[in-house]
């Protein structure tokens, strides 16, 4: 099963994305901040959905952090 990391601080949007992806057969993990996403990225994911504006930093900075560690595909949501 494909696993998707959702990094979005808007709780309703995060849960809606997760619900829709799960209903299509994907497994999801939700993060609401950069710090939370860093902790979750220790797991294996096939894709990350990334918001640009997060409460503890920029999604672009988090993307640079990801790129230093992996080639995980990322879709940026704004």
Protein backbone atom coordinates (compact mmCIF):
# COMPACT_ATOMS: atom_id res chain seq x y z
CA UNK A 1 0.00 0.00 0.00
CA UNK A 2 1.30 3.48 -0.89
CA UNK A 3 1.88 5.75 2.10
CA UNK A 4 1.47 9.54 1.86
CA UNK A 5 2.70 12.14 4.35
CA UNK A 6 0.37 15.14 4.63
CA UNK A 7 2.04 18.26 6.05
CA UNK A 8 -0.73 20.83 6.49
CA UNK A 9 -1.46 22.94 9.59
CA UNK A 10 -5.13 23.54 8.72
CA UNK A 11 -6.75 20.70 10.65
CA UNK A 12 -9.88 20.49 8.52
CA UNK A 13 -7.93 20.47 5.24
CA UNK A 14 -5.45 17.91 6.61
CA UNK A 15 -8.23 15.58 7.74
CA UNK A 16 -10.17 16.05 4.48
CA UNK A 17 -7.11 15.20 2.38
CA UNK A 18 -6.43 12.18 4.56
CA UNK A 19 -10.04 10.97 4.39
CA UNK A 20 -10.15 11.22 0.61
CA UNK A 21 -6.79 9.50 0.14
CA UNK A 22 -7.69 6.67 2.53
CA UNK A 23 -11.00 6.18 0.71
CA UNK A 24 -8.95 5.69 -2.49
CA UNK A 25 -6.80 3.01 -0.85
CA UNK A 26 -3.78 4.99 0.34
CA UNK A 27 -2.30 4.98 3.83
CA UNK A 28 -1.69 8.45 5.28
CA UNK A 29 0.15 10.11 8.14
CA UNK A 30 -0.62 13.69 9.15
CA UNK A 31 1.74 16.37 10.39
CA UNK A 32 0.66 19.86 11.41
CA UNK A 33 4.13 21.46 11.65
CA UNK A 34 7.68 21.10 10.30
CA UNK A 35 8.86 19.56 13.56
CA UNK A 36 6.11 16.95 13.49
CA UNK A 37 6.85 16.20 9.83
CA UNK A 38 10.57 15.71 10.55
CA UNK A 39 9.71 13.11 13.18
CA UNK A 40 7.28 11.30 10.88
CA UNK A 41 9.66 11.26 7.91
CA UNK A 42 11.73 8.63 9.72
CA UNK A 43 9.15 6.20 8.30
CA UNK A 44 8.83 5.09 4.70
CA UNK A 45 6.63 7.28 2.46
CA UNK A 46 5.96 7.25 -1.26
CA UNK A 47 4.81 10.90 -1.49
CA UNK A 48 4.55 14.05 0.63
CA UNK A 49 1.86 16.71 0.29
CA UNK A 50 3.38 19.90 1.67
CA UNK A 51 1.85 23.24 2.65
CA UNK A 52 4.05 26.31 2.20
CA UNK A 53 2.96 28.23 5.32
CA UNK A 54 3.45 26.22 8.49
CA UNK A 55 3.38 27.50 12.08
CA UNK A 56 7.04 26.74 12.79
CA UNK A 57 8.66 27.44 9.43
CA UNK A 58 8.40 27.54 5.69
CA UNK A 59 7.40 24.54 3.65
CA UNK A 60 10.23 25.47 1.28
CA UNK A 61 12.74 25.11 4.12
CA UNK A 62 11.25 21.75 4.98
CA UNK A 63 11.51 20.71 1.34
CA UNK A 64 15.23 21.60 1.36
CA UNK A 65 15.58 19.49 4.53
CA UNK A 66 13.88 16.55 2.75
CA UNK A 67 16.11 16.92 -0.32
CA UNK A 68 19.23 16.67 1.86
CA UNK A 69 18.01 13.21 2.93
CA UNK A 70 15.99 11.67 0.11
CA UNK A 71 14.38 12.01 -3.29
CA UNK A 72 10.84 11.62 -1.90
CA UNK A 73 8.33 13.03 -4.42
CA UNK A 74 6.68 16.17 -3.03
CA UNK A 75 3.56 18.07 -4.12
CA UNK A 76 3.36 21.58 -2.72
CA UNK A 77 -0.12 22.85 -1.77
CA UNK A 78 -0.66 26.58 -1.35
